[in-house]
Amino acid sequence: MAKAYAEATCFVLPAYHEGMPMVMLESMAAGVPNICTAINAIPEVIEHGRNGLLLEPGDQDALGEHILALLGNAALRDEPGEAARSSIEERHNFARQQGWLREICTRVADGRGSRRA
């Protein structure tokens, strides 16, 4: 996948049903600018215009405009691609996830958290 990400101009995920797509996180970590639908947890990671581009499900016009914009402008690709990489490094790194998991386990063990954590 690293070779594919290195060769990618952008990553496009025009989904109707997704949770937190791993492939989106992976492509962002590789510095690939993303175009994704603003559903479920995706807008928690992608900030439109800063580290990627969002559109509403089924908005084919916006999808086409976003793709053409990224294909036609290297500067427009580079800035959100680098911001995407940085946001993943800051918010979704292993140490942070490990701390979050430790906190959940501690709460459950102490009886302070729900089993659905």
N, C-alpha and C. Protein backbone atom coordinates (compact mmCIF):
# COMPACT_ATOMS: atom_id res chain seq x y z
N MET A 1 0.81 -1.19 0.00
CA MET A 1 0.00 0.00 0.00
C MET A 1 0.86 1.26 0.00
N ALA A 2 2.02 1.20 0.63
CA ALA A 2 2.88 2.39 0.70
C ALA A 2 3.22 2.89 -0.71
N LYS A 3 3.49 1.97 -1.62
CA LYS A 3 3.80 2.36 -3.01
C LYS A 3 2.60 3.01 -3.67
N ALA A 4 1.42 2.46 -3.44
CA ALA A 4 0.20 3.03 -4.02
C ALA A 4 -0.06 4.43 -3.48
N TYR A 5 0.11 4.61 -2.18
CA TYR A 5 -0.08 5.94 -1.59
C TYR A 5 0.95 6.93 -2.12
N ALA A 6 2.18 6.47 -2.28
CA ALA A 6 3.24 7.36 -2.78
C ALA A 6 2.96 7.83 -4.20
N GLU A 7 2.26 7.03 -4.97
CA GLU A 7 1.95 7.37 -6.36
C GLU A 7 0.60 8.07 -6.52
N ALA A 8 -0.19 8.11 -5.44
CA ALA A 8 -1.55 8.65 -5.53
C ALA A 8 -1.56 10.17 -5.57
N THR A 9 -2.43 10.71 -6.40
CA THR A 9 -2.65 12.15 -6.45
C THR A 9 -3.62 12.56 -5.35
N CYS A 10 -4.63 11.72 -5.13
CA CYS A 10 -5.58 11.95 -4.05
C CYS A 10 -6.28 10.63 -3.73
N PHE A 11 -6.96 10.62 -2.61
CA PHE A 11 -7.75 9.46 -2.19
C PHE A 11 -9.20 9.90 -2.15
N VAL A 12 -10.09 9.13 -2.76
CA VAL A 12 -11.49 9.49 -2.85
C VAL A 12 -12.35 8.39 -2.22
N LEU A 13 -13.21 8.80 -1.29
CA LEU A 13 -14.11 7.85 -0.63
C LEU A 13 -15.52 8.45 -0.59
N PRO A 14 -16.28 8.28 -1.69
CA PRO A 14 -17.64 8.81 -1.73
C PRO A 14 -18.65 7.80 -1.17
N ALA A 15 -18.56 7.55 0.12
CA ALA A 15 -19.35 6.50 0.76
C ALA A 15 -20.69 7.02 1.28
N TYR A 16 -21.61 6.10 1.45
CA TYR A 16 -22.88 6.41 2.09
C TYR A 16 -22.91 5.87 3.52
N HIS A 17 -22.15 4.80 3.77
CA HIS A 17 -22.13 4.16 5.08
C HIS A 17 -20.69 3.79 5.42
N GLU A 18 -20.12 4.48 6.37
CA GLU A 18 -18.77 4.20 6.86
C GLU A 18 -18.71 4.59 8.32
N GLY A 19 -17.84 3.96 9.06
CA GLY A 19 -17.61 4.37 10.44
C GLY A 19 -16.39 5.27 10.45
N MET A 20 -15.25 4.68 10.77
CA MET A 20 -13.96 5.36 10.73
C MET A 20 -13.09 4.54 9.78
N PRO A 21 -13.07 4.88 8.51
CA PRO A 21 -12.36 4.05 7.52
C PRO A 21 -10.84 4.03 7.73
N MET A 22 -10.31 2.85 7.95
CA MET A 22 -8.87 2.71 8.13
C MET A 22 -8.10 3.17 6.90
N VAL A 23 -8.60 2.88 5.73
CA VAL A 23 -7.91 3.26 4.50
C VAL A 23 -7.80 4.79 4.41
N MET A 24 -8.79 5.51 4.91
CA MET A 24 -8.73 6.96 4.94
C MET A 24 -7.61 7.41 5.87
N LEU A 25 -7.55 6.82 7.07
CA LEU A 25 -6.49 7.18 8.03
C LEU A 25 -5.11 6.84 7.47
N GLU A 26 -4.99 5.69 6.82
CA GLU A 26 -3.71 5.28 6.24
C GLU A 26 -3.27 6.26 5.14
N SER A 27 -4.20 6.61 4.26
CA SER A 27 -3.83 7.52 3.18
C SER A 27 -3.47 8.90 3.72
N MET A 28 -4.18 9.34 4.75
CA MET A 28 -3.84 10.63 5.37
C MET A 28 -2.45 10.57 5.99
N ALA A 29 -2.15 9.46 6.68
CA ALA A 29 -0.84 9.30 7.30
C ALA A 29 0.27 9.32 6.25
N ALA A 30 -0.05 8.89 5.03
CA ALA A 30 0.92 8.90 3.93
C ALA A 30 1.00 10.26 3.25
N GLY A 31 0.18 11.22 3.70
CA GLY A 31 0.22 12.56 3.14
C GLY A 31 -0.58 12.73 1.86
N VAL A 32 -1.51 11.81 1.62
CA VAL A 32 -2.35 11.88 0.43
C VAL A 32 -3.59 12.72 0.76
N PRO A 33 -3.89 13.74 -0.04
CA PRO A 33 -5.10 14.53 0.23
C PRO A 33 -6.35 13.68 0.00
N ASN A 34 -7.32 13.82 0.88
CA ASN A 34 -8.54 13.02 0.85
C ASN A 34 -9.74 13.84 0.42
N ILE A 35 -10.63 13.18 -0.30
CA ILE A 35 -11.95 13.70 -0.63
C ILE A 35 -12.93 12.63 -0.14
N CYS A 36 -13.71 12.97 0.87
CA CYS A 36 -14.61 11.98 1.48
C CYS A 36 -15.98 12.59 1.76
N THR A 37 -16.95 11.73 1.89
CA THR A 37 -18.28 12.21 2.26
C THR A 37 -18.30 12.52 3.76
N ALA A 38 -19.08 13.52 4.12
CA ALA A 38 -19.18 13.98 5.51
C ALA A 38 -20.22 13.14 6.25
N ILE A 39 -19.85 11.90 6.56
CA ILE A 39 -20.76 10.99 7.26
C ILE A 39 -20.06 10.40 8.48
N ASN A 40 -20.86 10.05 9.46
CA ASN A 40 -20.41 9.38 10.68
C ASN A 40 -19.15 10.01 11.26
N ALA A 41 -18.07 9.26 11.44
CA ALA A 41 -16.88 9.77 12.11
C ALA A 41 -15.91 10.50 11.19
N ILE A 42 -16.15 10.48 9.89
CA ILE A 42 -15.21 11.10 8.95
C ILE A 42 -14.97 12.59 9.24
N PRO A 43 -16.02 13.40 9.51
CA PRO A 43 -15.77 14.82 9.81
C PRO A 43 -15.05 15.06 11.13
N GLU A 44 -14.93 14.04 11.98
CA GLU A 44 -14.14 14.17 13.20
C GLU A 44 -12.64 14.17 12.88
N VAL A 45 -12.29 13.66 11.72
CA VAL A 45 -10.88 13.56 11.31
C VAL A 45 -10.56 14.58 10.22
N ILE A 46 -11.42 14.68 9.22
CA ILE A 46 -11.17 15.60 8.11
C ILE A 46 -11.86 16.92 8.37
N GLU A 47 -11.06 17.98 8.37
CA GLU A 47 -11.58 19.34 8.48
C GLU A 47 -11.55 19.92 7.07
N HIS A 48 -12.73 20.16 6.52
CA HIS A 48 -12.85 20.60 5.14
C HIS A 48 -11.98 21.82 4.85
N GLY A 49 -11.15 21.68 3.83
CA GLY A 49 -10.30 22.78 3.40
C GLY A 49 -8.98 22.86 4.14
N ARG A 50 -8.84 22.17 5.27
CA ARG A 50 -7.58 22.20 6.01
C ARG A 50 -6.76 20.94 5.75
N ASN A 51 -7.33 19.77 6.05
CA ASN A 51 -6.58 18.52 5.86
C ASN A 51 -7.30 17.55 4.93
N GLY A 52 -8.22 18.07 4.15
CA GLY A 52 -8.96 17.26 3.19
C GLY A 52 -10.18 18.02 2.72
N LEU A 53 -10.98 17.35 1.90
CA LEU A 53 -12.19 17.96 1.38
C LEU A 53 -13.37 17.04 1.67
N LEU A 54 -14.48 17.64 2.09
CA LEU A 54 -15.68 16.89 2.40
C LEU A 54 -16.81 17.27 1.45
N LEU A 55 -17.72 16.34 1.26
CA LEU A 55 -18.91 16.61 0.48
C LEU A 55 -20.05 15.79 1.06
N GLU A 56 -21.26 16.18 0.71
CA GLU A 56 -22.44 15.45 1.17
C GLU A 56 -22.62 14.19 0.33
N PRO A 57 -23.15 13.13 0.94
CA PRO A 57 -23.39 11.90 0.18
C PRO A 57 -24.26 12.16 -1.04
N GLY A 58 -23.86 11.64 -2.17
CA GLY A 58 -24.63 11.77 -3.40
C GLY A 58 -24.38 13.05 -4.18
N ASP A 59 -23.56 13.95 -3.67
CA ASP A 59 -23.29 15.22 -4.36
C ASP A 59 -22.21 15.00 -5.42
N GLN A 60 -22.64 14.53 -6.56
CA GLN A 60 -21.71 14.20 -7.64
C GLN A 60 -21.03 15.43 -8.21
N ASP A 61 -21.72 16.56 -8.22
CA ASP A 61 -21.11 17.78 -8.74
C ASP A 61 -19.93 18.20 -7.87
N ALA A 62 -20.12 18.20 -6.55
CA ALA A 62 -19.03 18.56 -5.64
C ALA A 62 -17.89 17.56 -5.74
N LEU A 63 -18.22 16.28 -5.88
CA LEU A 63 -17.19 15.26 -6.02
C LEU A 63 -16.32 15.54 -7.23
N GLY A 64 -16.95 15.80 -8.36
CA GLY A 64 -16.20 16.10 -9.58
C GLY A 64 -15.37 17.37 -9.44
N GLU A 65 -15.94 18.41 -8.83
CA GLU A 65 -15.21 19.66 -8.64
C GLU A 65 -13.99 19.47 -7.76
N HIS A 66 -14.16 18.72 -6.67
CA HIS A 66 -13.03 18.47 -5.76
C HIS A 66 -11.92 17.68 -6.44
N ILE A 67 -12.30 16.65 -7.18
CA ILE A 67 -11.29 15.84 -7.88
C ILE A 67 -10.54 16.69 -8.90
N LEU A 68 -11.26 17.44 -9.71
CA LEU A 68 -10.62 18.28 -10.72
C LEU A 68 -9.73 19.34 -10.08
N ALA A 69 -10.16 19.89 -8.97
CA ALA A 69 -9.36 20.91 -8.28
C ALA A 69 -8.02 20.32 -7.82
N LEU A 70 -8.07 19.13 -7.22
CA LEU A 70 -6.82 18.51 -6.75
C LEU A 70 -5.94 18.06 -7.91
N LEU A 71 -6.54 17.53 -8.95
CA LEU A 71 -5.75 17.08 -10.09
C LEU A 71 -5.06 18.24 -10.80
N GLY A 72 -5.72 19.40 -10.80
CA GLY A 72 -5.21 20.53 -11.55
C GLY A 72 -4.32 21.49 -10.80
N ASN A 73 -4.09 21.24 -9.50
CA ASN A 73 -3.34 22.21 -8.71
C ASN A 73 -2.48 21.51 -7.66
N ALA A 74 -1.19 21.40 -7.94
CA ALA A 74 -0.27 20.72 -7.02
C ALA A 74 -0.23 21.40 -5.65
N ALA A 75 -0.29 22.72 -5.62
CA ALA A 75 -0.25 23.44 -4.34
C ALA A 75 -1.48 23.10 -3.51
N LEU A 76 -2.61 22.96 -4.16
CA LEU A 76 -3.85 22.61 -3.46
C LEU A 76 -3.79 21.19 -2.91
N ARG A 77 -3.01 20.32 -3.55
CA ARG A 77 -2.82 18.95 -3.05
C ARG A 77 -1.82 18.90 -1.91
N ASP A 78 -0.73 19.64 -2.04
CA ASP A 78 0.35 19.54 -1.07
C ASP A 78 -0.04 20.02 0.33
N GLU A 79 -0.72 21.14 0.41
CA GLU A 79 -1.06 21.70 1.72
C GLU A 79 -1.99 20.79 2.53
N PRO A 80 -3.13 20.35 1.96
CA PRO A 80 -3.97 19.45 2.75
C PRO A 80 -3.33 18.08 2.98
N GLY A 81 -2.49 17.64 2.05
CA GLY A 81 -1.80 16.36 2.24
C GLY A 81 -0.87 16.41 3.44
N GLU A 82 -0.12 17.49 3.57
CA GLU A 82 0.78 17.65 4.71
C GLU A 82 -0.01 17.85 6.01
N ALA A 83 -1.09 18.62 5.93
CA ALA A 83 -1.95 18.81 7.11
C ALA A 83 -2.58 17.49 7.53
N ALA A 84 -2.95 16.65 6.56
CA ALA A 84 -3.52 15.34 6.87
C ALA A 84 -2.50 14.48 7.61
N ARG A 85 -1.28 14.46 7.12
CA ARG A 85 -0.22 13.68 7.77
C ARG A 85 -0.02 14.17 9.21
N SER A 86 0.05 15.46 9.38
CA SER A 86 0.26 16.04 10.71
C SER A 86 -0.88 15.71 11.66
N SER A 87 -2.12 15.82 11.17
CA SER A 87 -3.26 15.55 12.05
C SER A 87 -3.29 14.09 12.49
N ILE A 88 -2.92 13.18 11.61
CA ILE A 88 -2.87 11.77 11.99
C ILE A 88 -1.76 11.54 13.00
N GLU A 89 -0.60 12.13 12.78
CA GLU A 89 0.51 11.98 13.72
C GLU A 89 0.14 12.53 15.09
N GLU A 90 -0.59 13.63 15.14
CA GLU A 90 -0.96 14.25 16.42
C GLU A 90 -2.09 13.51 17.12
N ARG A 91 -3.15 13.18 16.39
CA ARG A 91 -4.37 12.69 17.02
C ARG A 91 -4.52 11.17 17.02
N HIS A 92 -3.88 10.48 16.12
CA HIS A 92 -4.12 9.04 15.97
C HIS A 92 -2.84 8.23 16.05
N ASN A 93 -1.86 8.73 16.79
CA ASN A 93 -0.62 7.97 16.91
C ASN A 93 -0.78 6.85 17.94
N PHE A 94 0.14 5.93 17.92
CA PHE A 94 0.06 4.74 18.77
C PHE A 94 0.02 5.11 20.25
N ALA A 95 0.88 6.01 20.68
CA ALA A 95 0.94 6.38 22.10
C ALA A 95 -0.39 6.97 22.58
N ARG A 96 -0.98 7.81 21.76
CA ARG A 96 -2.27 8.41 22.13
C ARG A 96 -3.37 7.34 22.21
N GLN A 97 -3.41 6.44 21.23
CA GLN A 97 -4.41 5.38 21.23
C GLN A 97 -4.19 4.44 22.42
N GLN A 98 -2.95 4.18 22.75
CA GLN A 98 -2.63 3.32 23.88
C GLN A 98 -3.12 3.95 25.18
N GLY A 99 -2.91 5.26 25.34
CA GLY A 99 -3.39 5.97 26.52
C GLY A 99 -4.90 5.95 26.63
N TRP A 100 -5.57 6.14 25.49
CA TRP A 100 -7.03 6.11 25.45
C TRP A 100 -7.55 4.73 25.85
N LEU A 101 -6.93 3.68 25.34
CA LEU A 101 -7.34 2.33 25.67
C LEU A 101 -7.07 2.03 27.15
N ARG A 102 -5.94 2.48 27.66
CA ARG A 102 -5.61 2.28 29.07
C ARG A 102 -6.66 2.95 29.96
N GLU A 103 -7.08 4.14 29.60
CA GLU A 103 -8.09 4.86 30.37
C GLU A 103 -9.42 4.11 30.38
N ILE A 104 -9.82 3.59 29.24
CA ILE A 104 -11.07 2.83 29.17
C ILE A 104 -10.98 1.58 30.03
N CYS A 105 -9.88 0.85 29.93
CA CYS A 105 -9.72 -0.38 30.71
C CYS A 105 -9.73 -0.08 32.21
N THR A 106 -9.08 1.00 32.61
CA THR A 106 -9.06 1.39 34.01
C THR A 106 -10.46 1.73 34.51
N ARG A 107 -11.21 2.47 33.71
CA ARG A 107 -12.57 2.83 34.11
C ARG A 107 -13.44 1.58 34.26
N VAL A 108 -13.33 0.67 33.31
CA VAL A 108 -14.12 -0.55 33.37
C VAL A 108 -13.71 -1.38 34.58
N ALA A 109 -12.42 -1.51 34.82
CA ALA A 109 -11.93 -2.29 35.96
C ALA A 109 -12.37 -1.68 37.29
N ASP A 110 -12.45 -0.36 37.35
CA ASP A 110 -12.87 0.33 38.58
C ASP A 110 -14.38 0.42 38.70
N GLY A 111 -15.11 -0.07 37.69
CA GLY A 111 -16.56 -0.01 37.72
C GLY A 111 -17.13 1.35 37.37
N ARG A 112 -16.31 2.27 36.81
CA ARG A 112 -16.78 3.61 36.47
C ARG A 112 -17.24 3.73 35.04
N GLY A 113 -16.90 2.77 34.22
CA GLY A 113 -17.26 2.85 32.81
C GLY A 113 -18.30 1.81 32.44
N SER A 114 -18.96 2.05 31.37
CA SER A 114 -19.94 1.06 30.91
C SER A 114 -19.21 -0.04 30.15
N ARG A 115 -19.85 -1.14 29.97
CA ARG A 115 -19.27 -2.25 29.22
C ARG A 115 -19.18 -1.91 27.73
N ARG A 116 -19.90 -0.89 27.31
CA ARG A 116 -19.91 -0.51 25.89
C ARG A 116 -18.76 0.41 25.55
N ALA A 117 -17.88 0.71 26.46
CA ALA A 117 -16.76 1.61 26.20
C ALA A 117 -15.98 1.09 25.02
